[in-house]
Structures are given as structure tokens and as C-alpha cells.
N, C-alpha and C. Protein backbone atom coordinates (compact mmCIF):
# COMPACT_ATOMS: atom_id res chain seq x y z
N UNK A 1 88.61 253.48 131.95
CA UNK A 1 89.58 254.52 131.65
C UNK A 1 88.91 255.73 131.00
N UNK A 2 87.98 255.46 130.10
CA UNK A 2 87.33 256.57 129.40
C UNK A 2 86.50 257.42 130.34
N UNK A 3 85.91 256.79 131.35
CA UNK A 3 85.10 257.54 132.30
C UNK A 3 85.92 258.47 133.17
N UNK A 4 87.15 258.08 133.46
CA UNK A 4 87.98 258.91 134.32
C UNK A 4 88.54 260.11 133.59
N UNK A 5 88.68 260.01 132.28
CA UNK A 5 89.19 261.15 131.51
C UNK A 5 88.09 261.89 130.78
N UNK A 6 86.83 261.50 131.03
CA UNK A 6 85.66 262.16 130.44
C UNK A 6 85.70 262.17 128.91
N UNK A 7 86.07 261.02 128.33
CA UNK A 7 86.12 260.91 126.87
C UNK A 7 84.71 260.95 126.29
N UNK A 8 84.56 261.52 125.13
CA UNK A 8 83.27 261.61 124.45
C UNK A 8 83.19 260.53 123.38
N UNK A 9 82.05 259.86 123.32
CA UNK A 9 81.83 258.81 122.33
C UNK A 9 80.58 259.12 121.53
N UNK A 10 80.49 258.61 120.31
CA UNK A 10 79.26 258.77 119.53
C UNK A 10 78.09 258.08 120.23
N UNK A 11 76.88 258.52 119.96
CA UNK A 11 75.71 257.94 120.61
C UNK A 11 75.46 256.49 120.20
N UNK A 12 76.09 256.02 119.13
CA UNK A 12 75.90 254.64 118.68
C UNK A 12 76.68 253.65 119.54
N UNK A 13 77.59 254.13 120.37
CA UNK A 13 78.39 253.26 121.22
C UNK A 13 77.78 253.23 122.61
N UNK A 14 77.52 252.01 123.11
CA UNK A 14 76.97 251.85 124.46
C UNK A 14 78.09 251.50 125.42
N UNK A 15 78.18 252.22 126.51
CA UNK A 15 79.19 251.92 127.52
C UNK A 15 78.59 250.98 128.55
N UNK A 16 79.42 250.08 129.06
CA UNK A 16 78.99 249.11 130.05
C UNK A 16 79.88 249.28 131.27
N UNK A 17 79.28 249.54 132.43
CA UNK A 17 80.05 249.68 133.66
C UNK A 17 80.19 248.31 134.33
N UNK A 18 81.43 247.89 134.52
CA UNK A 18 81.71 246.61 135.17
C UNK A 18 82.75 246.84 136.25
N UNK A 19 82.75 246.04 137.32
CA UNK A 19 83.70 246.23 138.40
C UNK A 19 85.15 245.95 137.99
N UNK A 20 85.36 244.95 137.15
CA UNK A 20 86.71 244.61 136.73
C UNK A 20 86.63 243.95 135.35
N UNK A 21 87.19 244.60 134.35
CA UNK A 21 87.07 244.09 132.98
C UNK A 21 87.76 242.74 132.80
N UNK A 22 88.73 242.41 133.65
CA UNK A 22 89.41 241.13 133.56
C UNK A 22 88.53 239.97 133.99
N UNK A 23 87.44 240.27 134.70
CA UNK A 23 86.56 239.21 135.20
C UNK A 23 85.28 239.11 134.40
N UNK A 24 85.15 239.84 133.33
CA UNK A 24 83.92 239.86 132.55
C UNK A 24 84.07 238.96 131.34
N UNK A 25 83.16 238.01 131.21
CA UNK A 25 83.18 237.11 130.07
C UNK A 25 82.49 237.73 128.87
N UNK A 26 82.75 237.20 127.71
CA UNK A 26 82.15 237.74 126.49
C UNK A 26 80.63 237.56 126.48
N UNK A 27 80.13 236.54 127.17
CA UNK A 27 78.68 236.34 127.22
C UNK A 27 77.99 237.47 127.99
N UNK A 28 78.64 238.03 128.98
CA UNK A 28 78.08 239.16 129.73
C UNK A 28 78.04 240.40 128.86
N UNK A 29 79.07 240.63 128.09
CA UNK A 29 79.14 241.81 127.23
C UNK A 29 78.10 241.74 126.12
N UNK A 30 77.85 240.55 125.59
CA UNK A 30 76.92 240.41 124.47
C UNK A 30 75.46 240.55 124.88
N UNK A 31 75.16 240.56 126.18
CA UNK A 31 73.77 240.70 126.64
C UNK A 31 73.28 242.03 126.36
């Protein structure tokens, strides 16, 4: 959602591109 509205985030936040957030487990995010 943030990518479609061009939201700005602080440099300390890392964005992760995933095909579907409903299919992503917490172990994938923590990598």
C-alpha cells in the first residue's frame, strides 16, 4: 500500500517486497 501512494519512511525502516503479505510467514520477515 505504501508503495502505491509513494509514502516516505525514515531510512531506519527497511521495506520488504512480497507478492502477497497474507502468504508470508514471520520467519521470512525476520531474515
